[in-house]
Amino acid sequence: MCVSKKDLYLLIDALPISEVEIAKRFLEFLVAQDPTVKVLISAPYDDEPISKKEDSEANKAWEEHLKGASVSHDDAAREIYGEWTGK
């Protein structure tokens, strides 16, 4: 039987609010079976404030991306490391 993520989203949406926390903990358990994911989800939340300059630069970069003026990951890697295989 093949279950899609869409099927899971529908089940989550149908959960009673009283069961949401339990479902969250179970899904975290399933995801945490991968050691890398376990480290990432257990990392503390980064609550360092963002400066106005950082926010402005991020907005500028996003606008450039939307205009197609950003550099792809592969192009950036080629520029930094030379020939890039994408692996």
Protein backbone atom coordinates (compact mmCIF):
# COMPACT_ATOMS: atom_id res chain seq x y z
CA MET A 1 0.00 0.00 0.00
CA CYS A 2 1.36 3.41 -0.98
CA VAL A 3 0.63 6.33 1.32
CA SER A 4 1.37 9.84 0.12
CA LYS A 5 2.30 12.79 2.28
CA LYS A 6 -0.96 14.35 1.12
CA ASP A 7 -2.80 11.45 2.81
CA LEU A 8 -0.89 12.16 6.01
CA TYR A 9 -1.67 15.89 5.81
CA LEU A 10 -5.37 15.05 5.55
CA LEU A 11 -5.13 12.83 8.63
CA ILE A 12 -3.30 15.52 10.55
CA ASP A 13 -5.95 18.09 9.60
CA ALA A 14 -8.64 15.71 10.86
CA LEU A 15 -7.00 15.21 14.27
CA PRO A 16 -8.82 16.56 17.29
CA ILE A 17 -6.84 19.41 18.84
CA SER A 18 -6.34 17.29 21.96
CA GLU A 19 -4.29 14.76 19.95
CA VAL A 20 -2.04 17.20 18.06
CA GLU A 21 0.77 17.19 20.66
CA ILE A 22 0.87 13.39 20.71
CA ALA A 23 1.00 13.25 16.91
CA LYS A 24 3.81 15.81 16.89
CA ARG A 25 5.88 13.79 19.34
CA PHE A 26 5.32 10.59 17.36
CA LEU A 27 6.33 12.23 14.08
CA GLU A 28 9.43 13.68 15.77
CA PHE A 29 10.25 10.17 16.96
CA LEU A 30 9.98 8.80 13.42
CA VAL A 31 12.09 11.61 11.97
CA ALA A 32 14.69 11.29 14.73
CA GLN A 33 15.62 7.78 13.61
CA ASP A 34 18.09 9.52 11.27
CA PRO A 35 21.00 10.71 13.47
CA THR A 36 21.53 13.85 11.40
CA VAL A 37 17.88 14.81 11.66
CA LYS A 38 17.96 14.07 15.40
CA VAL A 39 20.76 16.62 15.86
CA LEU A 40 18.96 19.21 13.76
CA ILE A 41 15.59 18.95 15.50
CA SER A 42 17.18 18.97 18.95
CA ALA A 43 19.26 22.09 18.25
CA PRO A 44 18.21 25.16 20.22
CA TYR A 45 16.10 27.75 18.46
CA ASP A 46 18.22 30.63 17.13
CA ASP A 47 16.58 33.67 18.67
CA GLU A 48 19.39 36.11 17.96
CA PRO A 49 17.84 39.36 16.78
CA ILE A 50 18.32 40.31 13.14
CA SER A 51 19.78 43.74 12.51
CA LYS A 52 18.10 46.19 10.14
CA LYS A 53 21.11 45.86 7.83
CA GLU A 54 20.83 42.03 7.74
CA ASP A 55 17.11 42.27 7.11
CA SER A 56 17.64 44.79 4.31
CA GLU A 57 20.35 42.65 2.70
CA ALA A 58 18.14 39.55 2.88
CA ASN A 59 15.27 41.43 1.24
CA LYS A 60 17.59 42.72 -1.48
CA ALA A 61 18.91 39.19 -2.14
CA TRP A 62 15.37 37.82 -2.32
CA GLU A 63 14.37 40.52 -4.82
CA GLU A 64 17.42 39.67 -6.94
CA HIS A 65 16.43 36.00 -6.82
CA LEU A 66 12.88 36.80 -7.92
CA LYS A 67 14.26 38.80 -10.86
CA GLY A 68 16.45 35.85 -11.86
CA ALA A 69 19.64 37.69 -10.97
CA SER A 70 20.79 35.20 -8.32
CA VAL A 71 23.56 32.63 -8.80
CA SER A 72 22.70 28.92 -8.71
CA HIS A 73 24.28 26.61 -6.15
CA ASP A 74 26.24 24.81 -8.89
CA ASP A 75 27.55 28.08 -10.38
CA ALA A 76 28.62 29.32 -6.94
CA ALA A 77 30.37 26.00 -6.23
CA ARG A 78 32.18 26.19 -9.58
CA GLU A 79 33.29 29.72 -8.77
CA ILE A 80 34.57 28.69 -5.33
CA TYR A 81 35.94 25.19 -5.98
CA GLY A 82 36.54 25.08 -9.72
CA GLU A 83 34.86 22.36 -11.74
CA TRP A 84 31.82 21.05 -9.88
CA THR A 85 30.23 17.65 -10.47
CA GLY A 86 27.18 18.31 -8.30
CA LYS A 87 27.90 15.25 -6.15
